[in-house]
């Protein structure tokens, strides 16, 4: 999904993504409306390039009262009639959804790392937002075949909230779905603007970022906030390249370190993205951590090239720089592609 560039290209790309990957008729209509509306495009072009993202613009409009789902005209009126409030929200906030549902697609790779020894995991998230994806051990995970049949459960019961995930094709037969939840001894992360999970304004904004038709994701988000509030993670504000080495060193005192990120590096300019990848590969080579990536196929082409090309709209799941699966952007589905399930 394009984050920056020509407004028409960005919004056309988002419309295709919203229509195919998650089926949001409202956001598909809004994005295509922008594509055909010269006045709204001109309004958007007065914003800094990183702030023209559809997710951010649409959420800011909703934050200030635009109902959704709603016809495109409601969005248009809010932007062109803005008294400065919508613009201020766009400029001051960011798209930090931190989709907790992704934990179900990350869990098999995390479990593979956990199986390497008896020590617990120490999780470090890059682009952590509020840190909601740092609690795979506090959730039950239920995996279904494409026909809906439950093929595996782990951690279900004992009052845990449950994540649902479909395993497609090869994944249903080959994904190393764990028999037990990993032990996690420490949780931390880095973000330019980390969110305090105990701050209700911050978590209300996260809810606004959830697409309008996705009531299931709103329920997951509410549960994830409650889980994280019981044991808030250690979050550091700053640039990932500058802050990550010290954070990994701190985490290592608690267990086997896994650095993870989902839909994060695409928001970095190309040079910064390459620096981040170089740092992560270096930390893996040094034995300082394992690296779990979950990004669009064009974000880390070196990882994507190690596995089969994913279908349009899916992310590539990578472990230590090797592609091991395809995932739905919001964690709804996993296809395991690694020929050898014994990882890493």
C-alpha atoms as a PDB file:
ATOM      1  CA  UNK A   1       0.000   0.000   0.000  1.00  0.00           C
ATOM      2  CA  UNK A   2       1.443   3.367  -1.024  1.00  0.00           C
ATOM      3  CA  UNK A   3       2.024   5.786   1.828  1.00  0.00           C
ATOM      4  CA  UNK A   4       3.471   8.771  -0.009  1.00  0.00           C
ATOM      5  CA  UNK A   5       3.485  10.069  -3.569  1.00  0.00           C
ATOM      6  CA  UNK A   6       1.024  11.500  -6.048  1.00  0.00           C
ATOM      7  CA  UNK A   7      -2.360  11.909  -4.328  1.00  0.00           C
ATOM      8  CA  UNK A   8      -4.236  10.166  -7.140  1.00  0.00           C
ATOM      9  CA  UNK A   9      -1.876   7.190  -7.072  1.00  0.00           C
ATOM     10  CA  UNK A  10      -1.984   6.916  -3.277  1.00  0.00           C
ATOM     11  CA  UNK A  11      -5.784   7.030  -3.110  1.00  0.00           C
ATOM     12  CA  UNK A  12      -6.256   4.696  -6.074  1.00  0.00           C
ATOM     13  CA  UNK A  13      -3.930   2.222  -4.410  1.00  0.00           C
ATOM     14  CA  UNK A  14      -5.800   2.555  -1.116  1.00  0.00           C
ATOM     15  CA  UNK A  15      -9.159   2.036  -2.854  1.00  0.00           C
ATOM     16  CA  UNK A  16      -7.882  -1.197  -4.388  1.00  0.00           C
ATOM     17  CA  UNK A  17      -6.531  -2.307  -1.019  1.00  0.00           C
ATOM     18  CA  UNK A  18      -9.712  -1.438   0.911  1.00  0.00           C
ATOM     19  CA  UNK A  19     -11.847  -3.138  -1.690  1.00  0.00           C
ATOM     20  CA  UNK A  20      -9.824  -6.321  -1.927  1.00  0.00           C
ATOM     21  CA  UNK A  21      -7.945  -6.901   1.307  1.00  0.00           C
ATOM     22  CA  UNK A  22     -10.636  -6.082   3.820  1.00  0.00           C
ATOM     23  CA  UNK A  23     -13.729  -5.065   1.894  1.00  0.00           C
ATOM     24  CA  UNK A  24     -14.534  -1.633   3.274  1.00  0.00           C
ATOM     25  CA  UNK A  25     -17.162  -0.250   0.894  1.00  0.00           C
ATOM     26  CA  UNK A  26     -17.113   3.083   2.733  1.00  0.00           C
ATOM     27  CA  UNK A  27     -13.364   3.658   2.479  1.00  0.00           C
ATOM     28  CA  UNK A  28     -13.310   2.361  -1.089  1.00  0.00           C
ATOM     29  CA  UNK A  29     -15.959   4.941  -2.022  1.00  0.00           C
ATOM     30  CA  UNK A  30     -14.184   7.702  -0.108  1.00  0.00           C
ATOM     31  CA  UNK A  31     -10.820   6.980  -1.708  1.00  0.00           C
ATOM     32  CA  UNK A  32     -12.257   6.836  -5.215  1.00  0.00           C
ATOM     33  CA  UNK A  33     -14.184  10.021  -4.461  1.00  0.00           C
ATOM     34  CA  UNK A  34     -10.920  11.793  -3.672  1.00  0.00           C
ATOM     35  CA  UNK A  35      -9.389  10.493  -6.898  1.00  0.00           C
ATOM     36  CA  UNK A  36     -12.112  12.189  -8.927  1.00  0.00           C
ATOM     37  CA  UNK A  37     -12.355  15.391  -6.886  1.00  0.00           C
ATOM     38  CA  UNK A  38      -9.883  18.114  -7.850  1.00  0.00           C
ATOM     39  CA  UNK A  39     -10.903  20.424  -4.978  1.00  0.00           C
ATOM     40  CA  UNK A  40     -10.325  17.823  -2.293  1.00  0.00           C
ATOM     41  CA  UNK A  41      -7.057  16.759  -3.893  1.00  0.00           C
ATOM     42  CA  UNK A  42      -5.921  20.394  -3.811  1.00  0.00           C
ATOM     43  CA  UNK A  43      -6.847  20.552  -0.102  1.00  0.00           C
ATOM     44  CA  UNK A  44      -4.827  17.414   0.596  1.00  0.00           C
ATOM     45  CA  UNK A  45      -1.844  18.755  -1.287  1.00  0.00           C
ATOM     46  CA  UNK A  46      -1.567  21.618   1.218  1.00  0.00           C
ATOM     47  CA  UNK A  47      -0.634  18.996   3.828  1.00  0.00           C
ATOM     48  CA  UNK A  48       2.896  17.635   4.271  1.00  0.00           C
ATOM     49  CA  UNK A  49       3.297  14.537   2.094  1.00  0.00           C
ATOM     50  CA  UNK A  50       3.391  12.018   4.983  1.00  0.00           C
ATOM     51  CA  UNK A  51       0.109  13.450   6.311  1.00  0.00           C
ATOM     52  CA  UNK A  52      -1.949  12.823   3.159  1.00  0.00           C
ATOM     53  CA  UNK A  53      -2.419   9.130   3.934  1.00  0.00           C
ATOM     54  CA  UNK A  54      -6.035   7.999   3.464  1.00  0.00           C
ATOM     55  CA  UNK A  55      -6.186   6.182   6.810  1.00  0.00           C
ATOM     56  CA  UNK A  56      -5.062   9.300   8.654  1.00  0.00           C
ATOM     57  CA  UNK A  57      -7.266  11.750   6.759  1.00  0.00           C
ATOM     58  CA  UNK A  58     -10.351   9.565   7.047  1.00  0.00           C
ATOM     59  CA  UNK A  59      -9.779   8.967  10.766  1.00  0.00           C
ATOM     60  CA  UNK A  60      -9.331  12.692  11.434  1.00  0.00           C
ATOM     61  CA  UNK A  61     -12.617  13.453   9.699  1.00  0.00           C
ATOM     62  CA  UNK A  62     -14.358  10.775  11.747  1.00  0.00           C
ATOM     63  CA  UNK A  63     -12.714  12.089  14.930  1.00  0.00           C
ATOM     64  CA  UNK A  64     -14.482  15.377  14.248  1.00  0.00           C
ATOM     65  CA  UNK A  65     -17.906  13.911  13.707  1.00  0.00           C
ATOM     66  CA  UNK A  66     -18.128  12.507  10.191  1.00  0.00           C
ATOM     67  CA  UNK A  67     -20.212   9.368  10.422  1.00  0.00           C
ATOM     68  CA  UNK A  68     -18.979   6.201   8.778  1.00  0.00           C
ATOM     69  CA  UNK A  69     -20.172   4.362   6.840  1.00  0.00           C
ATOM     70  CA  UNK A  70     -21.486   7.402   4.990  1.00  0.00           C
ATOM     71  CA  UNK A  71     -21.501   8.706   1.402  1.00  0.00           C
ATOM     72  CA  UNK A  72     -18.393  10.446   0.076  1.00  0.00           C
ATOM     73  CA  UNK A  73     -20.157  13.819   0.200  1.00  0.00           C
ATOM     74  CA  UNK A  74     -19.944  13.749   4.012  1.00  0.00           C
ATOM     75  CA  UNK A  75     -16.163  13.475   3.877  1.00  0.00           C
ATOM     76  CA  UNK A  76     -15.940  16.112   1.169  1.00  0.00           C
ATOM     77  CA  UNK A  77     -17.987  18.595   3.178  1.00  0.00           C
ATOM     78  CA  UNK A  78     -15.874  18.036   6.281  1.00  0.00           C
ATOM     79  CA  UNK A  79     -12.576  18.627   4.490  1.00  0.00           C
ATOM     80  CA  UNK A  80     -13.574  21.589   2.343  1.00  0.00           C
ATOM     81  CA  UNK A  81     -15.531  23.184   5.200  1.00  0.00           C
ATOM     82  CA  UNK A  82     -12.846  22.534   7.817  1.00  0.00           C
ATOM     83  CA  UNK A  83     -12.344  25.319  10.355  1.00  0.00           C
ATOM     84  CA  UNK A  84      -8.840  24.051  11.045  1.00  0.00           C
ATOM     85  CA  UNK A  85      -9.810  21.290  13.491  1.00  0.00           C
ATOM     86  CA  UNK A  86      -9.485  18.382  11.063  1.00  0.00           C
ATOM     87  CA  UNK A  87      -6.189  19.731   9.745  1.00  0.00           C
ATOM     88  CA  UNK A  88      -4.830  20.094  13.287  1.00  0.00           C
ATOM     89  CA  UNK A  89      -5.711  16.486  14.087  1.00  0.00           C
ATOM     90  CA  UNK A  90      -4.064  15.254  10.889  1.00  0.00           C
ATOM     91  CA  UNK A  91      -0.897  17.185  11.712  1.00  0.00           C
ATOM     92  CA  UNK A  92      -0.738  16.140  15.372  1.00  0.00           C
ATOM     93  CA  UNK A  93      -1.647  12.455  15.160  1.00  0.00           C
ATOM     94  CA  UNK A  94      -0.495   9.390  13.268  1.00  0.00           C
ATOM     95  CA  UNK A  95      -1.829   6.067  11.982  1.00  0.00           C
ATOM     96  CA  UNK A  96      -0.816   3.880  14.907  1.00  0.00           C
ATOM     97  CA  UNK A  97      -3.374   1.109  14.717  1.00  0.00           C
ATOM     98  CA  UNK A  98      -1.129  -1.650  16.125  1.00  0.00           C
ATOM     99  CA  UNK A  99      -3.584  -4.351  15.048  1.00  0.00           C
ATOM    100  CA  UNK A 100      -3.674  -6.955  17.841  1.00  0.00           C
ATOM    101  CA  UNK A 101      -5.205  -9.554  15.520  1.00  0.00           C
ATOM    102  CA  UNK A 102      -1.816  -9.948  13.859  1.00  0.00           C
ATOM    103  CA  UNK A 103      -0.555 -11.859  16.889  1.00  0.00           C
ATOM    104  CA  UNK A 104      -2.330 -14.974  15.589  1.00  0.00           C
ATOM    105  CA  UNK A 105      -0.295 -14.856  12.377  1.00  0.00           C
ATOM    106  CA  UNK A 106       2.965 -14.134  14.222  1.00  0.00           C
ATOM    107  CA  UNK A 107       2.486 -16.868  16.834  1.00  0.00           C
ATOM    108  CA  UNK A 108       3.781 -19.870  14.825  1.00  0.00           C
ATOM    109  CA  UNK A 109       7.085 -18.101  14.138  1.00  0.00           C
ATOM    110  CA  UNK A 110       7.344 -16.931  17.759  1.00  0.00           C
ATOM    111  CA  UNK A 111       6.665 -20.461  18.954  1.00  0.00           C
ATOM    112  CA  UNK A 112       9.396 -21.792  16.654  1.00  0.00           C
ATOM    113  CA  UNK A 113      11.859 -19.412  18.290  1.00  0.00           C
ATOM    114  CA  UNK A 114      10.611 -20.314  21.768  1.00  0.00           C
ATOM    115  CA  UNK A 115      11.196 -24.007  20.987  1.00  0.00           C
ATOM    116  CA  UNK A 116      14.935 -23.389  20.575  1.00  0.00           C
ATOM    117  CA  UNK A 117      15.497 -23.490  24.318  1.00  0.00           C
ATOM    118  CA  UNK A 118      14.007 -23.342  27.781  1.00  0.00           C
ATOM    119  CA  UNK A 119      14.426 -19.611  28.334  1.00  0.00           C
ATOM    120  CA  UNK A 120      11.419 -17.307  27.944  1.00  0.00           C
ATOM    121  CA  UNK A 121      11.060 -14.738  25.188  1.00  0.00           C
ATOM    122  CA  UNK A 122      11.780 -11.037  25.531  1.00  0.00           C
ATOM    123  CA  UNK A 123       9.722  -9.212  22.917  1.00  0.00           C
ATOM    124  CA  UNK A 124      10.761  -5.904  21.377  1.00  0.00           C
ATOM    125  CA  UNK A 125       8.438  -4.211  18.912  1.00  0.00           C
ATOM    126  CA  UNK A 126       9.514  -1.631  16.367  1.00  0.00           C
ATOM    127  CA  UNK A 127       6.729   0.883  15.744  1.00  0.00           C
ATOM    128  CA  UNK A 128       5.057  -0.321  18.904  1.00  0.00           C
ATOM    129  CA  UNK A 129       2.344   2.344  19.147  1.00  0.00           C
ATOM    130  CA  UNK A 130       0.651   1.303  22.428  1.00  0.00           C
ATOM    131  CA  UNK A 131       2.360  -2.108  22.432  1.00  0.00           C
ATOM    132  CA  UNK A 132      -0.808  -4.122  21.896  1.00  0.00           C
ATOM    133  CA  UNK A 133       0.969  -6.847  19.864  1.00  0.00           C
ATOM    134  CA  UNK A 134       3.336  -7.733  22.689  1.00  0.00           C
ATOM    135  CA  UNK A 135       0.942 -10.103  24.488  1.00  0.00           C
ATOM    136  CA  UNK A 136       0.651 -13.342  22.449  1.00  0.00           C
ATOM    137  CA  UNK A 137       0.772 -15.327  25.690  1.00  0.00           C
ATOM    138  CA  UNK A 138      -2.251 -13.508  27.128  1.00  0.00           C
ATOM    139  CA  UNK A 139      -4.592 -14.552  24.301  1.00  0.00           C
ATOM    140  CA  UNK A 140      -6.148 -17.752  23.099  1.00  0.00           C
ATOM    141  CA  UNK A 141      -5.638 -18.477  19.400  1.00  0.00           C
ATOM    142  CA  UNK A 142      -8.104 -20.407  17.264  1.00  0.00           C
ATOM    143  CA  UNK A 143      -7.177 -21.482  13.735  1.00  0.00           C
ATOM    144  CA  UNK A 144      -9.745 -22.488  11.134  1.00  0.00           C
ATOM    145  CA  UNK A 145      -9.570 -24.078   7.711  1.00  0.00           C
ATOM    146  CA  UNK A 146     -11.070 -22.121   4.792  1.00  0.00           C
ATOM    147  CA  UNK A 147     -14.347 -24.017   5.253  1.00  0.00           C
ATOM    148  CA  UNK A 148     -14.593 -22.765   8.845  1.00  0.00           C
ATOM    149  CA  UNK A 149     -13.640 -25.998  10.588  1.00  0.00           C
ATOM    150  CA  UNK A 150     -11.466 -25.496  13.665  1.00  0.00           C
ATOM    151  CA  UNK A 151      -8.123 -27.178  12.991  1.00  0.00           C
ATOM    152  CA  UNK A 152      -6.162 -26.009  16.028  1.00  0.00           C
ATOM    153  CA  UNK A 153      -6.547 -24.135  19.303  1.00  0.00           C
ATOM    154  CA  UNK A 154      -3.978 -23.008  21.822  1.00  0.00           C
ATOM    155  CA  UNK A 155      -4.476 -21.057  25.022  1.00  0.00           C
ATOM    156  CA  UNK A 156      -8.248 -21.035  24.653  1.00  0.00           C
ATOM    157  CA  UNK A 157      -9.942 -20.889  28.033  1.00  0.00           C
ATOM    158  CA  UNK A 158      -8.925 -19.611  31.464  1.00  0.00           C
ATOM    159  CA  UNK A 159     -10.629 -16.298  30.740  1.00  0.00           C
ATOM    160  CA  UNK A 160      -8.337 -15.261  27.900  1.00  0.00           C
ATOM    161  CA  UNK A 161      -9.743 -13.317  24.943  1.00  0.00           C
ATOM    162  CA  UNK A 162      -9.496 -15.291  21.699  1.00  0.00           C
ATOM    163  CA  UNK A 163      -8.094 -14.398  18.292  1.00  0.00           C
ATOM    164  CA  UNK A 164      -9.496 -16.153  15.219  1.00  0.00           C
ATOM    165  CA  UNK A 165      -7.272 -16.842  12.203  1.00  0.00           C
ATOM    166  CA  UNK A 166      -7.795 -18.791   8.994  1.00  0.00           C
ATOM    167  CA  UNK A 167      -5.000 -21.055   7.760  1.00  0.00           C
ATOM    168  CA  UNK A 168      -5.107 -21.369   3.985  1.00  0.00           C
ATOM    169  CA  UNK A 169      -3.767 -23.952   1.599  1.00  0.00           C
ATOM    170  CA  UNK A 170      -0.344 -25.171   2.594  1.00  0.00           C
ATOM    171  CA  UNK A 171      -0.685 -23.398   5.907  1.00  0.00           C
ATOM    172  CA  UNK A 172      -3.480 -25.695   7.071  1.00  0.00           C
ATOM    173  CA  UNK A 173      -1.203 -28.707   6.623  1.00  0.00           C
ATOM    174  CA  UNK A 174       2.255 -27.305   7.274  1.00  0.00           C
ATOM    175  CA  UNK A 175       2.113 -24.249   9.532  1.00  0.00           C
ATOM    176  CA  UNK A 176       3.856 -25.109  12.818  1.00  0.00           C
ATOM    177  CA  UNK A 177       0.829 -24.254  14.957  1.00  0.00           C
ATOM    178  CA  UNK A 178       2.125 -24.434  18.537  1.00  0.00           C
ATOM    179  CA  UNK A 179       0.898 -26.821  21.173  1.00  0.00           C
ATOM    180  CA  UNK A 180       1.394 -24.243  23.895  1.00  0.00           C
ATOM    181  CA  UNK A 181       1.729 -20.508  24.276  1.00  0.00           C
ATOM    182  CA  UNK A 182       5.241 -19.073  24.517  1.00  0.00           C
ATOM    183  CA  UNK A 183       6.483 -17.757  27.840  1.00  0.00           C
ATOM    184  CA  UNK A 184       7.140 -14.016  27.625  1.00  0.00           C
ATOM    185  CA  UNK A 185       9.291 -12.503  30.356  1.00  0.00           C
ATOM    186  CA  UNK A 186       9.622  -8.945  29.053  1.00  0.00           C
ATOM    187  CA  UNK A 187       7.826  -6.638  26.636  1.00  0.00           C
ATOM    188  CA  UNK A 188       9.135  -3.402  25.210  1.00  0.00           C
ATOM    189  CA  UNK A 189       9.251  -1.325  22.098  1.00  0.00           C
ATOM    190  CA  UNK A 190      10.241   1.831  20.303  1.00  0.00           C
ATOM    191  CA  UNK A 191       8.064   4.342  18.470  1.00  0.00           C
ATOM    192  CA  UNK A 192       8.500   7.946  17.400  1.00  0.00           C
ATOM    193  CA  UNK A 193       5.348   8.752  19.358  1.00  0.00           C
ATOM    194  CA  UNK A 194       4.477   5.839  21.663  1.00  0.00           C
ATOM    195  CA  UNK A 195       0.958   5.797  23.038  1.00  0.00           C
ATOM    196  CA  UNK A 196       0.176   5.330  26.716  1.00  0.00           C
ATOM    197  CA  UNK A 197      -2.311   2.473  26.927  1.00  0.00           C
ATOM    198  CA  UNK A 198      -3.728   3.987  30.127  1.00  0.00           C
ATOM    199  CA  UNK A 199      -4.547   7.258  28.288  1.00  0.00           C
ATOM    200  CA  UNK A 200      -8.178   7.068  27.155  1.00  0.00           C
ATOM    201  CA  UNK A 201      -7.729   9.801  24.541  1.00  0.00           C
ATOM    202  CA  UNK A 202      -4.950   7.755  22.941  1.00  0.00           C
ATOM    203  CA  UNK A 203      -6.960   4.536  22.906  1.00  0.00           C
ATOM    204  CA  UNK A 204     -10.048   6.356  21.606  1.00  0.00           C
ATOM    205  CA  UNK A 205      -7.922   7.501  18.670  1.00  0.00           C
ATOM    206  CA  UNK A 206      -6.845   3.910  18.038  1.00  0.00           C
ATOM    207  CA  UNK A 207     -10.504   2.920  17.899  1.00  0.00           C
ATOM    208  CA  UNK A 208     -11.212   5.689  15.390  1.00  0.00           C
ATOM    209  CA  UNK A 209      -8.494   4.265  13.136  1.00  0.00           C
ATOM    210  CA  UNK A 210     -10.374   0.960  12.845  1.00  0.00           C
ATOM    211  CA  UNK A 211     -12.238   0.812   9.545  1.00  0.00           C
ATOM    212  CA  UNK A 212     -15.962   1.559   9.907  1.00  0.00           C
ATOM    213  CA  UNK A 213     -17.350  -1.849   8.917  1.00  0.00           C
ATOM    214  CA  UNK A 214     -14.959  -3.824  11.119  1.00  0.00           C
ATOM    215  CA  UNK A 215     -16.842  -4.420  14.338  1.00  0.00           C
ATOM    216  CA  UNK A 216     -14.796  -7.568  15.011  1.00  0.00           C
ATOM    217  CA  UNK A 217     -11.588  -5.519  15.009  1.00  0.00           C
ATOM    218  CA  UNK A 218     -13.121  -3.019  17.421  1.00  0.00           C
ATOM    219  CA  UNK A 219     -13.891  -5.864  19.821  1.00  0.00           C
ATOM    220  CA  UNK A 220     -10.326  -7.165  19.527  1.00  0.00           C
ATOM    221  CA  UNK A 221      -8.928  -3.679  20.108  1.00  0.00           C
ATOM    222  CA  UNK A 222     -11.020  -3.166  23.245  1.00  0.00           C
ATOM    223  CA  UNK A 223      -9.837  -6.500  24.640  1.00  0.00           C
ATOM    224  CA  UNK A 224      -6.214  -5.751  23.686  1.00  0.00           C
ATOM    225  CA  UNK A 225      -6.312  -2.430  25.529  1.00  0.00           C
ATOM    226  CA  UNK A 226      -7.592  -4.130  28.662  1.00  0.00           C
ATOM    227  CA  UNK A 227      -4.886  -6.810  28.451  1.00  0.00           C
ATOM    228  CA  UNK A 228      -2.113  -4.236  28.033  1.00  0.00           C
ATOM    229  CA  UNK A 229      -3.430  -2.008  30.832  1.00  0.00           C
ATOM    230  CA  UNK A 230      -2.941  -4.854  33.292  1.00  0.00           C
ATOM    231  CA  UNK A 231       0.795  -4.945  32.539  1.00  0.00           C
ATOM    232  CA  UNK A 232       1.899  -1.960  30.422  1.00  0.00           C
ATOM    233  CA  UNK A 233       4.986  -2.525  28.243  1.00  0.00           C
ATOM    234  CA  UNK A 234       8.226  -0.567  28.413  1.00  0.00           C
ATOM    235  CA  UNK A 235       8.056   1.839  25.468  1.00  0.00           C
ATOM    236  CA  UNK A 236      10.809   4.194  24.344  1.00  0.00           C
ATOM    237  CA  UNK A 237      10.254   7.307  22.237  1.00  0.00           C
ATOM    238  CA  UNK A 238      12.719   7.784  19.419  1.00  0.00           C
ATOM    239  CA  UNK A 239      14.156   6.657  16.110  1.00  0.00           C
ATOM    240  CA  UNK A 240      14.351   2.885  15.817  1.00  0.00           C
ATOM    241  CA  UNK A 241      17.897   2.820  14.429  1.00  0.00           C
ATOM    242  CA  UNK A 242      19.141   4.923  17.318  1.00  0.00           C
ATOM    243  CA  UNK A 243      17.176   3.267  20.107  1.00  0.00           C
ATOM    244  CA  UNK A 244      16.923  -0.391  19.109  1.00  0.00           C
ATOM    245  CA  UNK A 245      20.427  -1.668  20.003  1.00  0.00           C
ATOM    246  CA  UNK A 246      20.136  -0.517  23.622  1.00  0.00           C
ATOM    247  CA  UNK A 247      16.592  -1.852  23.848  1.00  0.00           C
ATOM    248  CA  UNK A 248      17.713  -5.261  22.564  1.00  0.00           C
ATOM    249  CA  UNK A 249      20.538  -5.295  25.098  1.00  0.00           C
ATOM    250  CA  UNK A 250      18.109  -4.486  27.896  1.00  0.00           C
ATOM    251  CA  UNK A 251      15.677  -7.176  26.742  1.00  0.00           C
ATOM    252  CA  UNK A 252      18.457  -9.792  26.620  1.00  0.00           C
ATOM    253  CA  UNK A 253      18.692  -9.735  30.402  1.00  0.00           C
ATOM    254  CA  UNK A 254      15.210 -11.283  30.507  1.00  0.00           C
ATOM    255  CA  UNK A 255      15.225 -13.945  27.800  1.00  0.00           C
ATOM    256  CA  UNK A 256      15.673 -14.833  24.139  1.00  0.00           C
ATOM    257  CA  UNK A 257      15.086 -11.576  22.248  1.00  0.00           C
ATOM    258  CA  UNK A 258      12.678 -11.331  19.327  1.00  0.00           C
ATOM    259  CA  UNK A 259      12.391  -8.010  17.515  1.00  0.00           C
ATOM    260  CA  UNK A 260       9.091  -7.800  15.639  1.00  0.00           C
ATOM    261  CA  UNK A 261       7.291  -5.296  13.427  1.00  0.00           C
ATOM    262  CA  UNK A 262       4.109  -5.285  11.342  1.00  0.00           C
ATOM    263  CA  UNK A 263       3.149  -2.716   8.715  1.00  0.00           C
ATOM    264  CA  UNK A 264       5.748  -0.305  10.076  1.00  0.00           C
ATOM    265  CA  UNK A 265       8.745  -0.016   7.746  1.00  0.00           C
ATOM    266  CA  UNK A 266       6.544   1.084   4.837  1.00  0.00           C
ATOM    267  CA  UNK A 267       6.079   4.378   6.660  1.00  0.00           C
ATOM    268  CA  UNK A 268       9.813   5.092   6.611  1.00  0.00           C
ATOM    269  CA  UNK A 269      11.490   6.933   3.719  1.00  0.00           C
ATOM    270  CA  UNK A 270      13.508   4.558   1.574  1.00  0.00           C
ATOM    271  CA  UNK A 271      16.950   5.469   3.015  1.00  0.00           C
ATOM    272  CA  UNK A 272      15.695   5.079   6.596  1.00  0.00           C
ATOM    273  CA  UNK A 273      14.065   1.766   5.707  1.00  0.00           C
ATOM    274  CA  UNK A 274      17.337   0.424   4.335  1.00  0.00           C
ATOM    275  CA  UNK A 275      19.213   1.563   7.461  1.00  0.00           C
ATOM    276  CA  UNK A 276      16.655  -0.205   9.615  1.00  0.00           C
ATOM    277  CA  UNK A 277      16.949  -3.406   7.587  1.00  0.00           C
ATOM    278  CA  UNK A 278      20.741  -3.278   7.760  1.00  0.00           C
ATOM    279  CA  UNK A 279      20.583  -2.835  11.538  1.00  0.00           C
ATOM    280  CA  UNK A 280      18.153  -5.724  11.991  1.00  0.00           C
ATOM    281  CA  UNK A 281      20.176  -8.069   9.800  1.00  0.00           C
ATOM    282  CA  UNK A 282      23.295  -7.096  11.718  1.00  0.00           C
ATOM    283  CA  UNK A 283      21.682  -7.820  15.094  1.00  0.00           C
ATOM    284  CA  UNK A 284      20.596 -11.247  13.836  1.00  0.00           C
ATOM    285  CA  UNK A 285      24.086 -11.980  12.487  1.00  0.00           C
ATOM    286  CA  UNK A 286      25.573 -11.058  15.865  1.00  0.00           C
ATOM    287  CA  UNK A 287      23.180 -13.418  17.636  1.00  0.00           C
ATOM    288  CA  UNK A 288      21.674 -10.532  19.579  1.00  0.00           C
ATOM    289  CA  UNK A 289      18.090 -11.302  18.567  1.00  0.00           C
ATOM    290  CA  UNK A 290      15.709 -12.995  16.195  1.00  0.00           C
ATOM    291  CA  UNK A 291      13.876 -10.804  13.696  1.00  0.00           C
ATOM    292  CA  UNK A 292      10.187 -11.257  12.922  1.00  0.00           C
ATOM    293  CA  UNK A 293       8.950  -9.048  10.055  1.00  0.00           C
ATOM    294  CA  UNK A 294       5.415  -8.730   8.692  1.00  0.00           C
ATOM    295  CA  UNK A 295       5.307  -6.227   5.857  1.00  0.00           C
ATOM    296  CA  UNK A 296       4.018  -5.651   2.340  1.00  0.00           C
ATOM    297  CA  UNK A 297       6.023  -7.538  -0.321  1.00  0.00           C
ATOM    298  CA  UNK A 298       7.691  -4.386  -1.678  1.00  0.00           C
ATOM    299  CA  UNK A 299       8.855  -3.157   1.722  1.00  0.00           C
ATOM    300  CA  UNK A 300      11.591  -5.747   2.301  1.00  0.00           C
ATOM    301  CA  UNK A 301      12.255  -7.166  -1.178  1.00  0.00           C
ATOM    302  CA  UNK A 302      15.238  -9.108   0.067  1.00  0.00           C
ATOM    303  CA  UNK A 303      12.992 -11.046   2.449  1.00  0.00           C
ATOM    304  CA  UNK A 304      10.203 -11.460  -0.111  1.00  0.00           C
ATOM    305  CA  UNK A 305      12.634 -12.906  -2.670  1.00  0.00           C
ATOM    306  CA  UNK A 306      13.437 -15.855  -0.415  1.00  0.00           C
ATOM    307  CA  UNK A 307       9.926 -17.293  -0.825  1.00  0.00           C
ATOM    308  CA  UNK A 308       7.141 -17.572  -3.385  1.00  0.00           C
ATOM    309  CA  UNK A 309       5.524 -14.334  -4.540  1.00  0.00           C
ATOM    310  CA  UNK A 310       2.443 -13.557  -2.433  1.00  0.00           C
ATOM    311  CA  UNK A 311      -0.998 -12.933  -3.917  1.00  0.00           C
ATOM    312  CA  UNK A 312      -2.015  -9.255  -4.159  1.00  0.00           C
ATOM    313  CA  UNK A 313      -2.945  -7.612  -0.871  1.00  0.00           C
ATOM    314  CA  UNK A 314      -1.063  -9.973   1.438  1.00  0.00           C
ATOM    315  CA  UNK A 315       1.939  -9.330   3.662  1.00  0.00           C
ATOM    316  CA  UNK A 316       5.111 -11.409   3.759  1.00  0.00           C
ATOM    317  CA  UNK A 317       5.949 -12.948   7.125  1.00  0.00           C
ATOM    318  CA  UNK A 318       9.701 -13.212   7.603  1.00  0.00           C
ATOM    319  CA  UNK A 319      11.857 -14.799  10.286  1.00  0.00           C
ATOM    320  CA  UNK A 320      15.522 -13.789  10.464  1.00  0.00           C
ATOM    321  CA  UNK A 321      15.335 -12.453   6.927  1.00  0.00           C
ATOM    322  CA  UNK A 322      13.697 -15.534   5.425  1.00  0.00           C
ATOM    323  CA  UNK A 323      10.130 -15.548   4.109  1.00  0.00           C
ATOM    324  CA  UNK A 324       8.045 -18.154   5.915  1.00  0.00           C
ATOM    325  CA  UNK A 325       4.459 -17.192   5.101  1.00  0.00           C
ATOM    326  CA  UNK A 326       1.830 -14.823   3.795  1.00  0.00           C
ATOM    327  CA  UNK A 327      -0.490 -12.999   6.140  1.00  0.00           C
ATOM    328  CA  UNK A 328      -3.630 -10.940   5.950  1.00  0.00           C
ATOM    329  CA  UNK A 329      -2.869  -7.330   6.825  1.00  0.00           C
ATOM    330  CA  UNK A 330      -5.114  -7.405   9.902  1.00  0.00           C
ATOM    331  CA  UNK A 331      -4.319 -10.936  11.000  1.00  0.00           C
ATOM    332  CA  UNK A 332      -7.354 -12.703   9.589  1.00  0.00           C
ATOM    333  CA  UNK A 333      -5.421 -15.370   7.666  1.00  0.00           C
ATOM    334  CA  UNK A 334      -2.065 -17.147   7.419  1.00  0.00           C
ATOM    335  CA  UNK A 335      -0.558 -19.243   4.651  1.00  0.00           C
ATOM    336  CA  UNK A 336       2.673 -20.951   5.668  1.00  0.00           C
ATOM    337  CA  UNK A 337       5.123 -21.129   2.749  1.00  0.00           C
ATOM    338  CA  UNK A 338       8.397 -22.280   4.314  1.00  0.00           C
ATOM    339  CA  UNK A 339       9.217 -25.777   3.018  1.00  0.00           C
ATOM    340  CA  UNK A 340      10.730 -26.758   6.362  1.00  0.00           C
ATOM    341  CA  UNK A 341       8.534 -26.076   9.400  1.00  0.00           C
ATOM    342  CA  UNK A 342      11.532 -26.488  11.723  1.00  0.00           C
ATOM    343  CA  UNK A 343      12.575 -22.892  12.219  1.00  0.00           C
ATOM    344  CA  UNK A 344      14.511 -20.743  12.332  1.00  0.00           C
END
